[in-house]
PDB file of all heavy atoms in Angstrom:
ATOM      1  N   GLU A   1       0.834  -1.204   0.000  1.00  0.00           N
ATOM      2  CA  GLU A   1       0.000   0.000   0.000  1.00  0.00           C
ATOM      3  C   GLU A   1       0.869   1.254   0.000  1.00  0.00           C
ATOM      4  O   GLU A   1       0.564   2.243  -0.678  1.00  0.00           O
ATOM      5  CB  GLU A   1      -0.935   0.008   1.207  1.00  0.00           C
ATOM      6  CG  GLU A   1      -1.889   1.207   1.207  1.00  0.00           C
ATOM      7  CD  GLU A   1      -2.903   1.169   2.334  1.00  0.00           C
ATOM      8  OE1 GLU A   1      -2.891   0.208   3.121  1.00  0.00           O
ATOM      9  OE2 GLU A   1      -3.712   2.111   2.414  1.00  0.00           O
ATOM     10  N   PHE A   2       1.950   1.197   0.739  1.00  0.00           N
ATOM     11  CA  PHE A   2       2.853   2.345   0.808  1.00  0.00           C
ATOM     12  C   PHE A   2       3.450   2.658  -0.563  1.00  0.00           C
ATOM     13  O   PHE A   2       3.517   3.819  -0.972  1.00  0.00           O
ATOM     14  CB  PHE A   2       3.957   2.060   1.823  1.00  0.00           C
ATOM     15  CG  PHE A   2       4.859   3.228   2.099  1.00  0.00           C
ATOM     16  CD1 PHE A   2       4.343   4.479   2.418  1.00  0.00           C
ATOM     17  CD2 PHE A   2       6.236   3.083   2.057  1.00  0.00           C
ATOM     18  CE1 PHE A   2       5.177   5.556   2.690  1.00  0.00           C
ATOM     19  CE2 PHE A   2       7.080   4.148   2.319  1.00  0.00           C
ATOM     20  CZ  PHE A   2       6.543   5.394   2.636  1.00  0.00           C
ATOM     21  N   LYS A   3       3.869   1.645  -1.288  1.00  0.00           N
ATOM     22  CA  LYS A   3       4.435   1.862  -2.618  1.00  0.00           C
ATOM     23  C   LYS A   3       3.407   2.500  -3.553  1.00  0.00           C
ATOM     24  O   LYS A   3       3.730   3.406  -4.335  1.00  0.00           O
ATOM     25  CB  LYS A   3       4.937   0.543  -3.206  1.00  0.00           C
ATOM     26  CG  LYS A   3       6.210   0.029  -2.555  1.00  0.00           C
ATOM     27  CD  LYS A   3       6.847  -1.092  -3.356  1.00  0.00           C
ATOM     28  CE  LYS A   3       6.015  -2.350  -3.322  1.00  0.00           C
ATOM     29  NZ  LYS A   3       6.698  -3.479  -3.985  1.00  0.00           N
ATOM     30  N   ARG A   4       2.159   2.026  -3.472  1.00  0.00           N
ATOM     31  CA  ARG A   4       1.105   2.598  -4.328  1.00  0.00           C
ATOM     32  C   ARG A   4       0.867   4.068  -3.991  1.00  0.00           C
ATOM     33  O   ARG A   4       0.682   4.904  -4.888  1.00  0.00           O
ATOM     34  CB  ARG A   4      -0.199   1.805  -4.175  1.00  0.00           C
ATOM     35  CG  ARG A   4      -0.174   0.441  -4.816  1.00  0.00           C
ATOM     36  CD  ARG A   4      -1.573  -0.094  -5.034  1.00  0.00           C
ATOM     37  NE  ARG A   4      -2.330  -0.238  -3.803  1.00  0.00           N
ATOM     38  CZ  ARG A   4      -2.266  -1.301  -3.006  1.00  0.00           C
ATOM     39  NH1 ARG A   4      -1.453  -2.303  -3.294  1.00  0.00           N
ATOM     40  NH2 ARG A   4      -3.010  -1.380  -1.918  1.00  0.00           N
ATOM     41  N   ILE A   5       0.883   4.381  -2.698  1.00  0.00           N
ATOM     42  CA  ILE A   5       0.667   5.765  -2.268  1.00  0.00           C
ATOM     43  C   ILE A   5       1.726   6.685  -2.861  1.00  0.00           C
ATOM     44  O   ILE A   5       1.418   7.749  -3.414  1.00  0.00           O
ATOM     45  CB  ILE A   5       0.688   5.849  -0.724  1.00  0.00           C
ATOM     46  CG1 ILE A   5      -0.610   5.300  -0.153  1.00  0.00           C
ATOM     47  CG2 ILE A   5       0.916   7.285  -0.254  1.00  0.00           C
ATOM     48  CD1 ILE A   5      -0.572   5.143   1.355  1.00  0.00           C
ATOM     49  N   VAL A   6       2.991   6.290  -2.747  1.00  0.00           N
ATOM     50  CA  VAL A   6       4.074   7.121  -3.267  1.00  0.00           C
ATOM     51  C   VAL A   6       3.934   7.304  -4.773  1.00  0.00           C
ATOM     52  O   VAL A   6       4.097   8.414  -5.302  1.00  0.00           O
ATOM     53  CB  VAL A   6       5.446   6.509  -2.916  1.00  0.00           C
ATOM     54  CG1 VAL A   6       6.573   7.283  -3.601  1.00  0.00           C
ATOM     55  CG2 VAL A   6       5.656   6.522  -1.401  1.00  0.00           C
ATOM     56  N   ALA A   7       3.613   6.228  -5.484  1.00  0.00           N
ATOM     57  CA  ALA A   7       3.461   6.311  -6.941  1.00  0.00           C
ATOM     58  C   ALA A   7       2.304   7.227  -7.323  1.00  0.00           C
ATOM     59  O   ALA A   7       2.405   8.016  -8.275  1.00  0.00           O
ATOM     60  CB  ALA A   7       3.259   4.911  -7.524  1.00  0.00           C
ATOM     61  N   ILE A   8       1.202   7.142  -6.599  1.00  0.00           N
ATOM     62  CA  ILE A   8       0.036   7.981  -6.914  1.00  0.00           C
ATOM     63  C   ILE A   8       0.335   9.452  -6.623  1.00  0.00           C
ATOM     64  O   ILE A   8      -0.068  10.343  -7.388  1.00  0.00           O
ATOM     65  CB  ILE A   8      -1.198   7.489  -6.131  1.00  0.00           C
ATOM     66  CG1 ILE A   8      -1.656   6.132  -6.705  1.00  0.00           C
ATOM     67  CG2 ILE A   8      -2.339   8.501  -6.204  1.00  0.00           C
ATOM     68  CD1 ILE A   8      -2.686   5.408  -5.845  1.00  0.00           C
ATOM     69  N   ILE A   9       1.048   9.720  -5.536  1.00  0.00           N
ATOM     70  CA  ILE A   9       1.440  11.108  -5.255  1.00  0.00           C
ATOM     71  C   ILE A   9       2.312  11.644  -6.379  1.00  0.00           C
ATOM     72  O   ILE A   9       2.147  12.778  -6.837  1.00  0.00           O
ATOM     73  CB  ILE A   9       2.161  11.216  -3.894  1.00  0.00           C
ATOM     74  CG1 ILE A   9       1.177  10.946  -2.751  1.00  0.00           C
ATOM     75  CG2 ILE A   9       2.784  12.601  -3.722  1.00  0.00           C
ATOM     76  CD1 ILE A   9       1.829  10.862  -1.377  1.00  0.00           C
ATOM     77  N   ARG A  10       3.261  10.834  -6.847  1.00  0.00           N
ATOM     78  CA  ARG A  10       4.116  11.276  -7.954  1.00  0.00           C
ATOM     79  C   ARG A  10       3.292  11.607  -9.196  1.00  0.00           C
ATOM     80  O   ARG A  10       3.537  12.610  -9.874  1.00  0.00           O
ATOM     81  CB  ARG A  10       5.161  10.189  -8.261  1.00  0.00           C
ATOM     82  CG  ARG A  10       5.963  10.377  -9.528  1.00  0.00           C
ATOM     83  CD  ARG A  10       6.606  11.762  -9.654  1.00  0.00           C
ATOM     84  NE  ARG A  10       7.585  11.995  -8.620  1.00  0.00           N
ATOM     85  CZ  ARG A  10       7.702  13.140  -7.952  1.00  0.00           C
ATOM     86  NH1 ARG A  10       6.895  14.163  -8.198  1.00  0.00           N
ATOM     87  NH2 ARG A  10       8.617  13.303  -7.024  1.00  0.00           N
ATOM     88  N   ILE A  11       2.293  10.774  -9.502  1.00  0.00           N
ATOM     89  CA  ILE A  11       1.446  11.015 -10.669  1.00  0.00           C
ATOM     90  C   ILE A  11       0.605  12.276 -10.476  1.00  0.00           C
ATOM     91  O   ILE A  11       0.424  13.080 -11.393  1.00  0.00           O
ATOM     92  CB  ILE A  11       0.531   9.796 -10.926  1.00  0.00           C
ATOM     93  CG1 ILE A  11       1.375   8.594 -11.390  1.00  0.00           C
ATOM     94  CG2 ILE A  11      -0.539  10.122 -11.965  1.00  0.00           C
ATOM     95  CD1 ILE A  11       0.601   7.288 -11.434  1.00  0.00           C
ATOM     96  N   ALA A  12       0.091  12.468  -9.257  1.00  0.00           N
ATOM     97  CA  ALA A  12      -0.832  13.579  -8.989  1.00  0.00           C
ATOM     98  C   ALA A  12      -0.129  14.928  -8.957  1.00  0.00           C
ATOM     99  O   ALA A  12      -0.692  15.944  -9.369  1.00  0.00           O
ATOM    100  CB  ALA A  12      -1.565  13.336  -7.670  1.00  0.00           C
ATOM    101  N   VAL A  13       1.118  14.972  -8.439  1.00  0.00           N
ATOM    102  CA  VAL A  13       1.872  16.229  -8.367  1.00  0.00           C
ATOM    103  C   VAL A  13       3.265  15.989  -8.965  1.00  0.00           C
ATOM    104  O   VAL A  13       4.249  15.841  -8.236  1.00  0.00           O
ATOM    105  CB  VAL A  13       1.958  16.778  -6.922  1.00  0.00           C
ATOM    106  CG1 VAL A  13       0.659  17.454  -6.520  1.00  0.00           C
ATOM    107  CG2 VAL A  13       2.303  15.677  -5.921  1.00  0.00           C
ATOM    108  N   PRO A  14       3.361  15.950 -10.298  1.00  0.00           N
ATOM    109  CA  PRO A  14       4.597  15.536 -10.971  1.00  0.00           C
ATOM    110  C   PRO A  14       5.824  16.380 -10.626  1.00  0.00           C
ATOM    111  O   PRO A  14       6.941  15.870 -10.630  1.00  0.00           O
ATOM    112  CB  PRO A  14       4.251  15.679 -12.458  1.00  0.00           C
ATOM    113  CG  PRO A  14       2.770  15.637 -12.526  1.00  0.00           C
ATOM    114  CD  PRO A  14       2.290  16.246 -11.254  1.00  0.00           C
ATOM    115  N   PHE A  15       5.623  17.668 -10.342  1.00  0.00           N
ATOM    116  CA  PHE A  15       6.764  18.575 -10.184  1.00  0.00           C
ATOM    117  C   PHE A  15       7.131  18.833  -8.727  1.00  0.00           C
ATOM    118  O   PHE A  15       7.982  19.667  -8.439  1.00  0.00           O
ATOM    119  CB  PHE A  15       6.463  19.894 -10.893  1.00  0.00           C
ATOM    120  CG  PHE A  15       6.176  19.708 -12.360  1.00  0.00           C
ATOM    121  CD1 PHE A  15       4.869  19.681 -12.831  1.00  0.00           C
ATOM    122  CD2 PHE A  15       7.213  19.515 -13.258  1.00  0.00           C
ATOM    123  CE1 PHE A  15       4.602  19.490 -14.173  1.00  0.00           C
ATOM    124  CE2 PHE A  15       6.959  19.320 -14.605  1.00  0.00           C
ATOM    125  CZ  PHE A  15       5.647  19.303 -15.066  1.00  0.00           C
ATOM    126  N   THR A  16       6.494  18.128  -7.810  1.00  0.00           N
ATOM    127  CA  THR A  16       6.782  18.274  -6.388  1.00  0.00           C
ATOM    128  C   THR A  16       7.784  17.212  -5.953  1.00  0.00           C
ATOM    129  O   THR A  16       7.610  16.033  -6.256  1.00  0.00           O
ATOM    130  CB  THR A  16       5.485  18.129  -5.563  1.00  0.00           C
ATOM    131  OG1 THR A  16       4.587  19.171  -5.931  1.00  0.00           O
ATOM    132  CG2 THR A  16       5.768  18.214  -4.074  1.00  0.00           C
ATOM    133  N   GLY A  17       8.842  17.619  -5.247  1.00  0.00           N
ATOM    134  CA  GLY A  17       9.806  16.656  -4.746  1.00  0.00           C
ATOM    135  C   GLY A  17       9.183  15.750  -3.706  1.00  0.00           C
ATOM    136  O   GLY A  17       8.351  16.189  -2.911  1.00  0.00           O
ATOM    137  N   ILE A  18       9.561  14.477  -3.720  1.00  0.00           N
ATOM    138  CA  ILE A  18       9.077  13.526  -2.719  1.00  0.00           C
ATOM    139  C   ILE A  18      10.269  13.068  -1.878  1.00  0.00           C
ATOM    140  O   ILE A  18      11.276  12.605  -2.413  1.00  0.00           O
ATOM    141  CB  ILE A  18       8.371  12.322  -3.354  1.00  0.00           C
ATOM    142  CG1 ILE A  18       7.126  12.781  -4.135  1.00  0.00           C
ATOM    143  CG2 ILE A  18       7.965  11.305  -2.279  1.00  0.00           C
ATOM    144  CD1 ILE A  18       6.366  11.650  -4.800  1.00  0.00           C
ATOM    145  N   ILE A  19      10.139  13.215  -0.556  1.00  0.00           N
ATOM    146  CA  ILE A  19      11.232  12.939   0.380  1.00  0.00           C
ATOM    147  C   ILE A  19      10.962  11.652   1.150  1.00  0.00           C
ATOM    148  O   ILE A  19       9.865  11.456   1.678  1.00  0.00           O
ATOM    149  CB  ILE A  19      11.400  14.095   1.376  1.00  0.00           C
ATOM    150  CG1 ILE A  19      11.731  15.407   0.627  1.00  0.00           C
ATOM    151  CG2 ILE A  19      12.483  13.780   2.397  1.00  0.00           C
ATOM    152  CD1 ILE A  19      11.790  16.625   1.531  1.00  0.00           C
ATOM    153  N   LEU A  20      11.990  10.799   1.217  1.00  0.00           N
ATOM    154  CA  LEU A  20      11.896   9.559   1.984  1.00  0.00           C
ATOM    155  C   LEU A  20      13.059   9.508   2.965  1.00  0.00           C
ATOM    156  O   LEU A  20      14.221   9.656   2.575  1.00  0.00           O
ATOM    157  CB  LEU A  20      11.949   8.351   1.044  1.00  0.00           C
ATOM    158  CG  LEU A  20      11.638   6.997   1.671  1.00  0.00           C
ATOM    159  CD1 LEU A  20      10.177   6.941   2.120  1.00  0.00           C
ATOM    160  CD2 LEU A  20      11.911   5.871   0.683  1.00  0.00           C
ATOM    161  N   SER A  21      12.741   9.295   4.239  1.00  0.00           N
ATOM    162  CA  SER A  21      13.774   9.317   5.278  1.00  0.00           C
ATOM    163  C   SER A  21      14.282   7.921   5.584  1.00  0.00           C
ATOM    164  O   SER A  21      13.839   6.920   4.997  1.00  0.00           O
ATOM    165  CB  SER A  21      13.210   9.949   6.558  1.00  0.00           C
ATOM    166  OG  SER A  21      12.370   9.004   7.217  1.00  0.00           O
ATOM    167  N   THR A  22      15.210   7.846   6.543  1.00  0.00           N
ATOM    168  CA  THR A  22      15.755   6.561   6.970  1.00  0.00           C
ATOM    169  C   THR A  22      14.810   5.808   7.900  1.00  0.00           C
ATOM    170  O   THR A  22      15.197   4.789   8.481  1.00  0.00           O
ATOM    171  CB  THR A  22      17.117   6.753   7.671  1.00  0.00           C
ATOM    172  OG1 THR A  22      17.007   7.790   8.640  1.00  0.00           O
ATOM    173  CG2 THR A  22      18.203   7.107   6.671  1.00  0.00           C
ATOM    174  N   ARG A  23      13.578   6.292   8.054  1.00  0.00           N
ATOM    175  CA  ARG A  23      12.553   5.469   8.706  1.00  0.00           C
ATOM    176  C   ARG A  23      12.385   4.162   7.935  1.00  0.00           C
ATOM    177  O   ARG A  23      12.074   3.121   8.508  1.00  0.00           O
ATOM    178  CB  ARG A  23      11.191   6.182   8.698  1.00  0.00           C
ATOM    179  CG  ARG A  23      11.017   7.320   9.673  1.00  0.00           C
ATOM    180  CD  ARG A  23       9.666   7.972   9.456  1.00  0.00           C
ATOM    181  NE  ARG A  23       9.447   9.128  10.286  1.00  0.00           N
ATOM    182  CZ  ARG A  23       8.745   9.152  11.410  1.00  0.00           C
ATOM    183  NH1 ARG A  23       8.200   8.031  11.838  1.00  0.00           N
ATOM    184  NH2 ARG A  23       8.592  10.256  12.108  1.00  0.00           N
ATOM    185  N   GLU A  24      12.534   4.271   6.592  1.00  0.00           N
ATOM    186  CA  GLU A  24      12.316   3.101   5.734  1.00  0.00           C
ATOM    187  C   GLU A  24      13.592   2.287   5.571  1.00  0.00           C
ATOM    188  O   GLU A  24      14.695   2.807   5.648  1.00  0.00           O
ATOM    189  CB  GLU A  24      11.790   3.539   4.371  1.00  0.00           C
ATOM    190  CG  GLU A  24      10.441   4.211   4.412  1.00  0.00           C
ATOM    191  CD  GLU A  24       9.343   3.308   4.965  1.00  0.00           C
ATOM    192  OE1 GLU A  24       9.437   2.065   4.798  1.00  0.00           O
ATOM    193  OE2 GLU A  24       8.392   3.840   5.571  1.00  0.00           O
ATOM    194  N   SER A  25      13.403   1.006   5.308  1.00  0.00           N
ATOM    195  CA  SER A  25      14.533   0.100   5.139  1.00  0.00           C
ATOM    196  C   SER A  25      15.274   0.411   3.847  1.00  0.00           C
ATOM    197  O   SER A  25      14.754   1.061   2.933  1.00  0.00           O
ATOM    198  CB  SER A  25      14.047  -1.351   5.100  1.00  0.00           C
ATOM    199  OG  SER A  25      13.301  -1.590   3.915  1.00  0.00           O
ATOM    200  N   GLU A  26      16.483  -0.104   3.785  1.00  0.00           N
ATOM    201  CA  GLU A  26      17.292   0.027   2.580  1.00  0.00           C
ATOM    202  C   GLU A  26      16.545  -0.514   1.361  1.00  0.00           C
ATOM    203  O   GLU A  26      16.523   0.099   0.297  1.00  0.00           O
ATOM    204  CB  GLU A  26      18.580  -0.754   2.854  1.00  0.00           C
ATOM    205  CG  GLU A  26      19.473  -1.047   1.751  1.00  0.00           C
ATOM    206  CD  GLU A  26      20.713  -1.830   2.204  1.00  0.00           C
ATOM    207  OE1 GLU A  26      21.043  -1.869   3.396  1.00  0.00           O
ATOM    208  OE2 GLU A  26      21.341  -2.390   1.307  1.00  0.00           O
TER     209      GLU A  26
END
């Protein structure tokens, strides 16, 4: 679900940077 969310955000706001922290695994 998390992967789908990130992909949909990218599609919805193409020119906005998306930040991912070290909360997530390698």
